[in-house]
Amino acid sequence: MIKKGRYRIKRYILNREHGSIFDEWLNMNSTYNIKKEEIDYLKQICVPKQTVFYVESIDELRIESCLSPHEVNFYEVTFEYS
């Protein structure tokens, strides 16, 4: 049972378009002899996409997601108020 009220939900999306260091590495044609500055660059650009939304809940909190192949979603749920 969860508390009745408003919840803030932050969704992190990691897929081939957002945050995939492997796909960016392949796009750089750096399959051999990757340099430190290229690794640093990949670390900077390969971050998951973030979205934030709010839902009201009475008895339950249900989050549904349709994932693409090789996609991962992470949800950070925070109670706002009742």
N, C-alpha and C. Protein backbone atom coordinates (compact mmCIF):
# COMPACT_ATOMS: atom_id res chain seq x y z
N MET A 1 0.85 -1.18 0.00
CA MET A 1 0.00 0.00 0.00
C MET A 1 0.89 1.24 0.00
N ILE A 2 0.56 2.19 -0.81
CA ILE A 2 1.31 3.43 -0.86
C ILE A 2 0.47 4.58 -0.34
N LYS A 3 1.13 5.68 -0.03
CA LYS A 3 0.42 6.86 0.47
C LYS A 3 -0.37 7.52 -0.65
N LYS A 4 -1.56 8.00 -0.31
CA LYS A 4 -2.37 8.75 -1.25
C LYS A 4 -1.69 10.11 -1.46
N GLY A 5 -1.60 10.54 -2.71
CA GLY A 5 -1.02 11.84 -2.98
C GLY A 5 -0.33 11.93 -4.32
N ARG A 6 0.48 12.94 -4.43
CA ARG A 6 1.16 13.24 -5.69
C ARG A 6 2.59 12.70 -5.64
N TYR A 7 3.01 12.09 -6.75
CA TYR A 7 4.34 11.52 -6.86
C TYR A 7 5.07 12.14 -8.06
N ARG A 8 6.34 12.43 -7.83
CA ARG A 8 7.22 12.90 -8.91
C ARG A 8 7.99 11.70 -9.40
N ILE A 9 7.94 11.48 -10.70
CA ILE A 9 8.62 10.33 -11.28
C ILE A 9 9.64 10.81 -12.29
N LYS A 10 10.88 10.45 -12.06
CA LYS A 10 11.96 10.78 -12.97
C LYS A 10 12.36 9.50 -13.68
N ARG A 11 12.30 9.54 -15.00
CA ARG A 11 12.60 8.36 -15.81
C ARG A 11 13.92 8.56 -16.55
N TYR A 12 14.81 7.58 -16.41
CA TYR A 12 16.07 7.57 -17.13
C TYR A 12 15.95 6.52 -18.23
N ILE A 13 16.29 6.91 -19.45
CA ILE A 13 16.18 6.01 -20.59
C ILE A 13 17.57 5.78 -21.18
N LEU A 14 17.95 4.52 -21.23
CA LEU A 14 19.23 4.14 -21.83
C LEU A 14 18.91 3.20 -22.99
N ASN A 15 19.24 3.67 -24.21
CA ASN A 15 19.00 2.86 -25.40
C ASN A 15 20.02 3.23 -26.47
N ARG A 16 19.82 2.79 -27.67
CA ARG A 16 20.79 3.03 -28.74
C ARG A 16 20.87 4.51 -29.12
N GLU A 17 19.83 5.28 -28.88
CA GLU A 17 19.82 6.71 -29.20
C GLU A 17 20.27 7.58 -28.03
N HIS A 18 20.14 7.08 -26.83
CA HIS A 18 20.44 7.87 -25.63
C HIS A 18 21.34 7.08 -24.68
N GLY A 19 22.59 7.47 -24.63
CA GLY A 19 23.48 6.93 -23.62
C GLY A 19 24.25 5.68 -23.97
N SER A 20 24.09 5.17 -25.18
CA SER A 20 24.80 3.94 -25.54
C SER A 20 26.24 4.26 -25.93
N ILE A 21 27.15 3.99 -25.03
CA ILE A 21 28.56 4.25 -25.32
C ILE A 21 29.06 3.32 -26.42
N PHE A 22 28.51 2.13 -26.48
CA PHE A 22 28.93 1.18 -27.51
C PHE A 22 28.59 1.69 -28.91
N ASP A 23 27.37 2.19 -29.11
CA ASP A 23 26.98 2.69 -30.42
C ASP A 23 27.78 3.92 -30.82
N GLU A 24 28.04 4.82 -29.87
CA GLU A 24 28.85 6.00 -30.17
C GLU A 24 30.29 5.61 -30.51
N TRP A 25 30.80 4.62 -29.81
CA TRP A 25 32.16 4.13 -30.08
C TRP A 25 32.24 3.58 -31.50
N LEU A 26 31.23 2.83 -31.92
CA LEU A 26 31.21 2.31 -33.29
C LEU A 26 31.09 3.45 -34.31
N ASN A 27 30.29 4.47 -34.00
CA ASN A 27 30.13 5.60 -34.91
C ASN A 27 31.43 6.39 -35.09
N MET A 28 32.29 6.35 -34.10
CA MET A 28 33.57 7.05 -34.18
C MET A 28 34.60 6.28 -35.00
N ASN A 29 34.27 5.06 -35.41
CA ASN A 29 35.23 4.19 -36.12
C ASN A 29 36.50 3.99 -35.31
N SER A 30 36.34 3.91 -34.01
CA SER A 30 37.50 3.77 -33.11
C SER A 30 37.56 2.38 -32.52
N THR A 31 37.27 1.38 -33.32
CA THR A 31 37.27 0.03 -32.79
C THR A 31 38.67 -0.44 -32.40
N TYR A 32 39.68 0.24 -32.92
CA TYR A 32 41.06 -0.10 -32.58
C TYR A 32 41.76 1.14 -32.05
N ASN A 33 42.58 0.96 -31.06
CA ASN A 33 43.47 2.01 -30.58
C ASN A 33 42.74 3.29 -30.16
N ILE A 34 41.74 3.16 -29.32
CA ILE A 34 41.00 4.34 -28.85
C ILE A 34 41.88 5.12 -27.87
N LYS A 35 41.86 6.42 -28.00
CA LYS A 35 42.70 7.31 -27.19
C LYS A 35 41.95 7.79 -25.96
N LYS A 36 42.69 8.27 -24.95
CA LYS A 36 42.10 8.75 -23.71
C LYS A 36 41.12 9.90 -23.95
N GLU A 37 41.47 10.84 -24.83
CA GLU A 37 40.57 11.97 -25.09
C GLU A 37 39.27 11.52 -25.74
N GLU A 38 39.31 10.45 -26.50
CA GLU A 38 38.08 9.89 -27.09
C GLU A 38 37.23 9.21 -26.02
N ILE A 39 37.87 8.56 -25.08
CA ILE A 39 37.15 7.95 -23.96
C ILE A 39 36.50 9.04 -23.12
N ASP A 40 37.23 10.11 -22.86
CA ASP A 40 36.67 11.24 -22.09
C ASP A 40 35.47 11.84 -22.81
N TYR A 41 35.57 11.98 -24.12
CA TYR A 41 34.46 12.51 -24.92
C TYR A 41 33.24 11.59 -24.81
N LEU A 42 33.45 10.30 -24.94
CA LEU A 42 32.34 9.35 -24.84
C LEU A 42 31.67 9.41 -23.47
N LYS A 43 32.46 9.57 -22.43
CA LYS A 43 31.91 9.68 -21.07
C LYS A 43 31.01 10.90 -20.94
N GLN A 44 31.36 11.99 -21.63
CA GLN A 44 30.59 13.22 -21.55
C GLN A 44 29.27 13.14 -22.31
N ILE A 45 29.28 12.51 -23.47
CA ILE A 45 28.06 12.52 -24.30
C ILE A 45 27.14 11.34 -24.04
N CYS A 46 27.62 10.28 -23.46
CA CYS A 46 26.82 9.07 -23.30
C CYS A 46 26.13 9.07 -21.94
N VAL A 47 25.05 9.82 -21.87
CA VAL A 47 24.25 9.89 -20.65
C VAL A 47 22.82 9.52 -20.99
N PRO A 48 22.12 8.88 -20.07
CA PRO A 48 20.73 8.53 -20.33
C PRO A 48 19.85 9.77 -20.51
N LYS A 49 18.82 9.64 -21.30
CA LYS A 49 17.81 10.69 -21.42
C LYS A 49 17.00 10.72 -20.13
N GLN A 50 16.60 11.92 -19.70
CA GLN A 50 15.81 12.06 -18.48
C GLN A 50 14.50 12.77 -18.78
N THR A 51 13.42 12.26 -18.22
CA THR A 51 12.12 12.93 -18.29
C THR A 51 11.53 12.92 -16.89
N VAL A 52 10.70 13.92 -16.61
CA VAL A 52 10.05 14.03 -15.30
C VAL A 52 8.56 14.20 -15.53
N PHE A 53 7.76 13.48 -14.76
CA PHE A 53 6.32 13.65 -14.80
C PHE A 53 5.74 13.40 -13.42
N TYR A 54 4.50 13.80 -13.24
CA TYR A 54 3.82 13.70 -11.95
C TYR A 54 2.54 12.88 -12.11
N VAL A 55 2.22 12.09 -11.08
CA VAL A 55 0.99 11.32 -11.07
C VAL A 55 0.33 11.43 -9.70
N GLU A 56 -0.99 11.37 -9.71
CA GLU A 56 -1.76 11.32 -8.46
C GLU A 56 -2.10 9.87 -8.19
N SER A 57 -1.99 9.47 -6.94
CA SER A 57 -2.27 8.09 -6.58
C SER A 57 -3.23 8.03 -5.40
N ILE A 58 -4.14 7.05 -5.45
CA ILE A 58 -5.06 6.83 -4.33
C ILE A 58 -4.69 5.53 -3.63
N ASP A 59 -4.74 4.40 -4.34
CA ASP A 59 -4.46 3.09 -3.73
C ASP A 59 -3.17 2.45 -4.24
N GLU A 60 -2.84 2.75 -5.48
CA GLU A 60 -1.67 2.10 -6.07
C GLU A 60 -0.97 3.07 -7.02
N LEU A 61 0.26 2.75 -7.30
CA LEU A 61 1.05 3.52 -8.26
C LEU A 61 1.51 2.55 -9.33
N ARG A 62 1.04 2.77 -10.54
CA ARG A 62 1.36 1.86 -11.63
C ARG A 62 2.08 2.64 -12.72
N ILE A 63 3.23 2.11 -13.12
CA ILE A 63 4.01 2.70 -14.19
C ILE A 63 4.19 1.64 -15.26
N GLU A 64 3.80 1.97 -16.47
CA GLU A 64 3.97 1.03 -17.57
C GLU A 64 4.92 1.64 -18.59
N SER A 65 5.69 0.78 -19.21
CA SER A 65 6.67 1.24 -20.17
C SER A 65 6.79 0.22 -21.29
N CYS A 66 6.92 0.70 -22.50
CA CYS A 66 7.14 -0.16 -23.66
C CYS A 66 8.60 0.04 -24.08
N LEU A 67 9.40 -0.99 -23.93
CA LEU A 67 10.83 -0.87 -24.18
C LEU A 67 11.20 -1.34 -25.58
N SER A 68 12.16 -0.66 -26.17
CA SER A 68 12.75 -1.09 -27.44
C SER A 68 13.77 -2.19 -27.14
N PRO A 69 14.18 -2.92 -28.17
CA PRO A 69 15.24 -3.92 -27.93
C PRO A 69 16.48 -3.26 -27.33
N HIS A 70 17.07 -3.88 -26.36
CA HIS A 70 18.30 -3.43 -25.67
C HIS A 70 18.09 -2.14 -24.87
N GLU A 71 16.88 -1.78 -24.55
CA GLU A 71 16.60 -0.56 -23.79
C GLU A 71 16.42 -0.88 -22.31
N VAL A 72 16.85 0.06 -21.48
CA VAL A 72 16.69 -0.03 -20.04
C VAL A 72 16.06 1.25 -19.55
N ASN A 73 15.08 1.15 -18.65
CA ASN A 73 14.49 2.31 -18.00
C ASN A 73 14.69 2.19 -16.51
N PHE A 74 14.99 3.30 -15.88
CA PHE A 74 15.12 3.37 -14.43
C PHE A 74 14.19 4.47 -13.95
N TYR A 75 13.39 4.19 -12.94
CA TYR A 75 12.44 5.16 -12.42
C TYR A 75 12.82 5.55 -11.00
N GLU A 76 12.88 6.84 -10.76
CA GLU A 76 13.11 7.39 -9.43
C GLU A 76 11.79 8.02 -8.98
N VAL A 77 11.15 7.44 -7.97
CA VAL A 77 9.84 7.85 -7.52
C VAL A 77 9.94 8.55 -6.17
N THR A 78 9.39 9.78 -6.12
CA THR A 78 9.46 10.58 -4.91
C THR A 78 8.06 11.05 -4.52
N PHE A 79 7.67 10.83 -3.28
CA PHE A 79 6.39 11.31 -2.79
C PHE A 79 6.46 12.83 -2.61
N GLU A 80 5.49 13.55 -3.18
CA GLU A 80 5.47 15.02 -3.09
C GLU A 80 4.61 15.51 -1.93
N TYR A 81 3.34 15.14 -1.95
CA TYR A 81 2.43 15.56 -0.87
C TYR A 81 1.11 14.81 -1.00
N SER A 82 0.28 14.92 0.04
CA SER A 82 -1.04 14.28 -0.01
C SER A 82 -2.13 15.34 0.02
